[in-house]
């Protein structure tokens, strides 16, 4: 009975009266994601450009609503997985991707690193091992030739082609560290997302005995994991005439990192002249800002 009702509504999608289409569209949207297979089947069988266009619009809105729901749920989680946050943003463009598949793709990176790391190594030695696994063994690299390609910001694409933006390479790096319980955090430095290795004992003692909140050194995921110090950040900010702020040196919360991912993806679409994508992504920013 449900299928027949949906089919009857779909048949009304070619009505030239936009008010009728809007009413039909609202009824179809209210039925949720379960009607997508019926809509897709109709799209394949129907030769009407108008019906196909309107079906595409309805499917997009249904899938967009699901992504919004996933993002709202992620924001409310106490212990947020950075990989899951990146997956949700990719789900916007690729609604058929699966989180378990994304996790499986990163499992080899984690297991290869785990085999090489032990507790007797220094922080710097551990980072050198991650760098070797990610950049040499698995050959992940920056996409300098096509910096504003939106694909640089989707986790499934970067895991597939092994090229991406600093923010996505950094998220993959962070996920490996998270899985291995290493104290590596994202830092929201303008123009270049970086990572920080924090002394694992820093939170056990008063912060005043530590310089720079216990950060031992920084890592540049866009430059094969190169290591540098606080002075290099100071020089970078002066060079780019950016006002210095404490937050540019310290770990950022997961939602702030995903905000950064969305903002950079929006800019990539702006370079492509895709305003509808920018408008969709603005809604994601509002969710992340108003958590």
Protein backbone atom coordinates (compact mmCIF):
# COMPACT_ATOMS: atom_id res chain seq x y z
CA UNK A 1 0.00 0.00 0.00
CA UNK A 2 2.87 2.34 0.90
CA UNK A 3 4.60 1.73 -2.44
CA UNK A 4 1.39 2.45 -4.35
CA UNK A 5 0.92 5.70 -2.45
CA UNK A 6 4.50 6.73 -3.21
CA UNK A 7 4.10 5.84 -6.87
CA UNK A 8 0.91 7.88 -7.04
CA UNK A 9 2.69 10.88 -5.57
CA UNK A 10 5.61 10.46 -7.97
CA UNK A 11 3.22 10.59 -10.91
CA UNK A 12 2.26 14.11 -9.82
CA UNK A 13 5.84 15.36 -10.00
CA UNK A 14 5.41 16.50 -13.61
CA UNK A 15 2.66 18.96 -12.71
CA UNK A 16 3.75 22.39 -14.02
CA UNK A 17 2.10 24.09 -11.04
CA UNK A 18 4.97 24.65 -8.58
CA UNK A 19 2.61 24.81 -5.59
CA UNK A 20 1.34 21.32 -6.38
CA UNK A 21 4.93 20.08 -6.78
CA UNK A 22 5.87 21.62 -3.42
CA UNK A 23 2.96 19.86 -1.70
CA UNK A 24 3.86 16.51 -3.33
CA UNK A 25 7.51 17.00 -2.46
CA UNK A 26 6.65 17.65 1.21
CA UNK A 27 4.62 14.44 1.38
CA UNK A 28 7.44 12.42 -0.18
CA UNK A 29 10.06 13.93 2.12
CA UNK A 30 7.92 13.04 5.13
CA UNK A 31 8.17 9.36 4.19
CA UNK A 32 11.91 9.36 4.79
CA UNK A 33 14.88 7.50 3.34
CA UNK A 34 12.99 4.24 2.71
CA UNK A 35 11.45 5.65 -0.47
CA UNK A 36 14.81 6.37 -2.14
CA UNK A 37 14.94 2.98 -3.99
CA UNK A 38 11.48 3.68 -5.47
CA UNK A 39 12.54 7.18 -6.51
CA UNK A 40 15.74 5.86 -8.08
CA UNK A 41 13.84 3.15 -9.97
CA UNK A 42 11.40 5.73 -11.32
CA UNK A 43 14.28 8.02 -12.30
CA UNK A 44 15.84 5.23 -14.37
CA UNK A 45 12.57 4.33 -16.11
CA UNK A 46 11.15 7.81 -16.70
CA UNK A 47 12.37 9.84 -19.68
CA UNK A 48 10.83 13.12 -18.53
CA UNK A 49 13.58 15.63 -17.78
CA UNK A 50 11.30 17.48 -15.37
CA UNK A 51 10.45 14.38 -13.32
CA UNK A 52 14.08 13.25 -13.26
CA UNK A 53 15.20 16.70 -12.10
CA UNK A 54 12.58 16.81 -9.35
CA UNK A 55 13.36 13.27 -8.20
CA UNK A 56 17.05 14.21 -7.95
CA UNK A 57 16.06 17.22 -5.85
CA UNK A 58 13.98 15.09 -3.46
CA UNK A 59 16.66 12.38 -3.12
CA UNK A 60 19.28 15.04 -2.40
CA UNK A 61 17.12 16.59 0.33
CA UNK A 62 16.43 13.22 1.93
CA UNK A 63 20.12 12.34 1.97
CA UNK A 64 21.04 15.82 3.18
CA UNK A 65 18.61 15.50 6.10
CA UNK A 66 20.27 12.22 7.06
CA UNK A 67 23.72 13.85 7.02
CA UNK A 68 22.43 16.71 9.18
CA UNK A 69 21.03 14.17 11.66
CA UNK A 70 24.34 12.27 11.78
CA UNK A 71 26.29 15.48 12.37
CA UNK A 72 23.97 16.60 15.18
CA UNK A 73 24.36 13.20 16.85
CA UNK A 74 28.16 13.35 16.51
CA UNK A 75 28.31 16.84 18.04
CA UNK A 76 26.45 15.58 21.12
CA UNK A 77 28.84 12.66 21.70
CA UNK A 78 31.15 13.01 24.69
CA UNK A 79 34.11 11.17 23.16
CA UNK A 80 34.12 12.20 19.53
CA UNK A 81 35.96 10.16 16.89
CA UNK A 82 37.69 12.51 14.45
CA UNK A 83 37.43 9.85 11.75
CA UNK A 84 33.67 9.62 12.22
CA UNK A 85 33.39 13.40 11.94
CA UNK A 86 35.25 13.34 8.61
CA UNK A 87 33.10 10.41 7.46
CA UNK A 88 29.90 12.39 8.12
CA UNK A 89 31.12 15.27 5.97
CA UNK A 90 32.00 12.80 3.20
CA UNK A 91 28.55 11.23 3.59
CA UNK A 92 27.12 14.52 2.32
CA UNK A 93 28.68 13.98 -1.10
CA UNK A 94 28.77 10.17 -1.03
CA UNK A 95 25.62 8.99 0.81
CA UNK A 96 26.33 5.33 0.05
CA UNK A 97 29.68 5.17 1.86
CA UNK A 98 29.91 3.11 5.03
CA UNK A 99 31.75 4.06 8.23
CA UNK A 100 32.95 0.49 8.74
CA UNK A 101 34.53 0.54 5.27
CA UNK A 102 36.35 3.78 6.12
CA UNK A 103 37.60 2.25 9.38
CA UNK A 104 38.75 -0.86 7.53
CA UNK A 105 40.78 1.28 5.11
CA UNK A 106 42.62 2.92 8.01
CA UNK A 107 43.15 -0.36 9.89
CA UNK A 108 46.23 -1.29 7.84
CA UNK A 109 47.84 2.06 8.64
CA UNK A 110 47.18 1.53 12.34
CA UNK A 111 48.33 -2.08 12.45
CA UNK A 112 51.52 -1.38 10.48
CA UNK A 113 52.36 1.43 12.90
CA UNK A 114 51.49 -0.65 15.97
CA UNK A 115 53.94 -3.36 14.89
CA UNK A 116 56.81 -0.85 14.91
CA UNK A 117 56.01 1.20 18.02
CA UNK A 118 56.84 0.30 21.61
CA UNK A 119 56.82 2.11 24.95
CA UNK A 120 60.61 2.41 25.06
CA UNK A 121 60.67 4.83 22.14
CA UNK A 122 60.77 8.60 22.58
CA UNK A 123 57.96 10.80 21.30
CA UNK A 124 60.08 11.85 18.34
CA UNK A 125 60.94 8.24 17.49
CA UNK A 126 57.25 7.31 17.54
CA UNK A 127 56.43 10.15 15.17
CA UNK A 128 59.21 9.08 12.82
CA UNK A 129 57.61 5.62 12.65
CA UNK A 130 54.16 7.05 11.86
CA UNK A 131 55.73 9.26 9.20
CA UNK A 132 57.45 6.27 7.63
CA UNK A 133 54.25 4.20 7.56
CA UNK A 134 51.98 6.98 6.27
CA UNK A 135 54.23 8.80 3.82
CA UNK A 136 56.80 6.22 2.71
CA UNK A 137 55.19 2.79 3.07
CA UNK A 138 51.63 3.81 2.14
CA UNK A 139 52.69 6.80 0.03
CA UNK A 140 50.17 9.40 1.22
CA UNK A 141 51.04 12.84 -0.09
CA UNK A 142 49.72 16.37 -0.47
CA UNK A 143 47.82 17.36 -3.57
CA UNK A 144 49.81 20.49 -4.35
CA UNK A 145 48.93 20.39 -8.05
CA UNK A 146 45.19 20.76 -7.41
CA UNK A 147 44.85 22.43 -4.02
CA UNK A 148 41.21 23.53 -4.40
CA UNK A 149 39.82 20.25 -5.66
CA UNK A 150 36.87 19.34 -3.35
CA UNK A 151 38.03 15.70 -3.43
CA UNK A 152 40.95 16.75 -1.19
CA UNK A 153 38.47 17.15 1.67
CA UNK A 154 36.55 13.87 1.50
CA UNK A 155 38.00 11.08 3.65
CA UNK A 156 36.94 8.25 1.30
CA UNK A 157 38.58 9.94 -1.69
CA UNK A 158 41.82 10.73 0.13
CA UNK A 159 42.08 7.16 1.43
CA UNK A 160 41.51 5.92 -2.12
CA UNK A 161 43.85 8.17 -4.12
CA UNK A 162 46.28 8.83 -1.21
CA UNK A 163 46.40 12.54 -1.98
CA UNK A 164 44.72 15.33 -0.10
CA UNK A 165 44.68 18.56 1.85
CA UNK A 166 46.60 19.23 5.06
CA UNK A 167 43.39 18.98 7.09
CA UNK A 168 42.48 15.53 5.71
CA UNK A 169 46.02 14.16 5.94
CA UNK A 170 46.06 15.51 9.49
CA UNK A 171 42.76 13.79 10.33
CA UNK A 172 44.10 10.46 9.10
CA UNK A 173 47.26 11.02 11.17
CA UNK A 174 45.15 11.92 14.21
CA UNK A 175 43.05 8.79 13.82
CA UNK A 176 46.15 6.59 13.85
CA UNK A 177 47.39 8.37 16.98
CA UNK A 178 43.95 8.05 18.58
CA UNK A 179 43.90 4.31 17.93
CA UNK A 180 47.39 3.89 19.39
CA UNK A 181 46.61 6.19 22.35
CA UNK A 182 49.37 8.63 21.47
CA UNK A 183 48.98 12.23 22.76
CA UNK A 184 48.84 13.87 19.32
CA UNK A 185 46.27 16.63 18.77
CA UNK A 186 45.10 18.88 15.97
CA UNK A 187 46.02 22.58 16.05
CA UNK A 188 43.88 25.11 14.18
CA UNK A 189 46.70 27.18 12.72
CA UNK A 190 45.45 29.50 9.92
CA UNK A 191 46.50 28.57 6.40
CA UNK A 192 48.13 25.32 7.52
CA UNK A 193 46.47 22.73 9.76
CA UNK A 194 49.13 21.17 11.99
CA UNK A 195 49.45 18.63 14.81
CA UNK A 196 50.95 18.85 18.29
CA UNK A 197 52.62 16.14 20.34
CA UNK A 198 51.82 16.81 23.98
CA UNK A 199 53.78 15.44 26.93
CA UNK A 200 51.64 12.50 28.08
CA UNK A 201 52.18 13.53 31.73
CA UNK A 202 51.30 17.21 31.21
CA UNK A 203 47.72 16.84 32.44
CA UNK A 204 48.85 15.15 35.65
CA UNK A 205 50.75 18.18 36.94
CA UNK A 206 50.02 21.92 37.32
CA UNK A 207 50.15 23.56 33.90
CA UNK A 208 52.40 26.36 35.15
CA UNK A 209 55.43 24.05 35.27
CA UNK A 210 55.06 23.45 31.54
CA UNK A 211 55.90 25.83 28.74
CA UNK A 212 53.30 26.01 25.98
CA UNK A 213 50.80 23.71 27.76
CA UNK A 214 53.14 20.73 27.65
CA UNK A 215 53.52 20.67 23.86
CA UNK A 216 56.80 18.93 23.04
CA UNK A 217 56.81 19.74 19.31
CA UNK A 218 54.59 20.21 16.27
CA UNK A 219 54.03 18.06 13.18
CA UNK A 220 53.22 19.22 9.64
CA UNK A 221 51.01 16.54 7.99
CA UNK A 222 51.20 18.42 4.68
CA UNK A 223 54.98 18.08 4.59
CA UNK A 224 55.50 14.36 5.30
CA UNK A 225 55.15 14.83 9.04
CA UNK A 226 58.09 17.22 9.44
CA UNK A 227 58.71 18.27 13.05
CA UNK A 228 59.17 21.87 14.25
CA UNK A 229 58.83 24.10 17.31
CA UNK A 230 56.90 27.08 18.64
CA UNK A 231 59.32 29.60 17.13
CA UNK A 232 58.49 28.36 13.64
CA UNK A 233 54.80 29.09 14.28
CA UNK A 234 55.68 32.59 15.49
CA UNK A 235 57.68 33.17 12.32
CA UNK A 236 54.87 31.76 10.16
CA UNK A 237 52.30 34.12 11.70
CA UNK A 238 54.56 37.14 11.24
CA UNK A 239 55.35 36.15 7.66
CA UNK A 240 51.65 35.93 6.80
CA UNK A 241 50.76 39.02 8.87
CA UNK A 242 48.36 37.05 11.06
CA UNK A 243 47.59 38.35 14.55
CA UNK A 244 49.00 35.97 17.13
CA UNK A 245 46.50 34.06 19.29
CA UNK A 246 47.06 31.43 21.99
CA UNK A 247 44.73 29.00 20.19
CA UNK A 248 47.16 28.83 17.23
CA UNK A 249 49.58 26.91 19.46
CA UNK A 250 47.25 24.65 21.44
CA UNK A 251 45.15 21.52 20.79
CA UNK A 252 41.76 22.14 19.18
CA UNK A 253 38.56 20.26 20.01
CA UNK A 254 37.31 17.67 17.47
CA UNK A 255 34.32 19.83 16.48
CA UNK A 256 36.67 22.73 15.75
CA UNK A 257 38.75 20.50 13.48
CA UNK A 258 35.63 19.41 11.57
CA UNK A 259 34.58 23.08 11.35
CA UNK A 260 37.92 23.75 9.71
CA UNK A 261 37.35 20.85 7.31
CA UNK A 262 33.91 22.19 6.32
CA UNK A 263 35.18 25.76 5.93
CA UNK A 264 38.00 24.66 3.63
CA UNK A 265 35.61 22.48 1.63
CA UNK A 266 33.29 25.48 1.25
CA UNK A 267 36.20 27.53 -0.09
CA UNK A 268 37.03 24.77 -2.58
CA UNK A 269 33.45 24.86 -3.87
CA UNK A 270 33.59 28.65 -3.98
CA UNK A 271 36.57 28.36 -6.32
CA UNK A 272 34.44 26.07 -8.50
CA UNK A 273 31.50 28.50 -8.43
CA UNK A 274 29.18 25.96 -6.77
CA UNK A 275 26.88 28.09 -4.60
CA UNK A 276 24.39 25.34 -3.74
CA UNK A 277 27.15 23.25 -2.12
CA UNK A 278 28.32 26.29 -0.17
CA UNK A 279 24.79 26.87 1.14
CA UNK A 280 24.48 23.24 2.26
CA UNK A 281 27.85 23.33 4.02
CA UNK A 282 26.93 26.55 5.80
CA UNK A 283 24.23 24.57 7.61
CA UNK A 284 26.91 22.14 8.80
CA UNK A 285 28.96 25.07 10.13
CA UNK A 286 25.95 26.37 12.04
CA UNK A 287 25.44 22.95 13.66
CA UNK A 288 29.10 22.79 14.67
CA UNK A 289 29.06 26.38 15.97
CA UNK A 290 25.86 25.95 17.98
CA UNK A 291 26.62 22.59 19.56
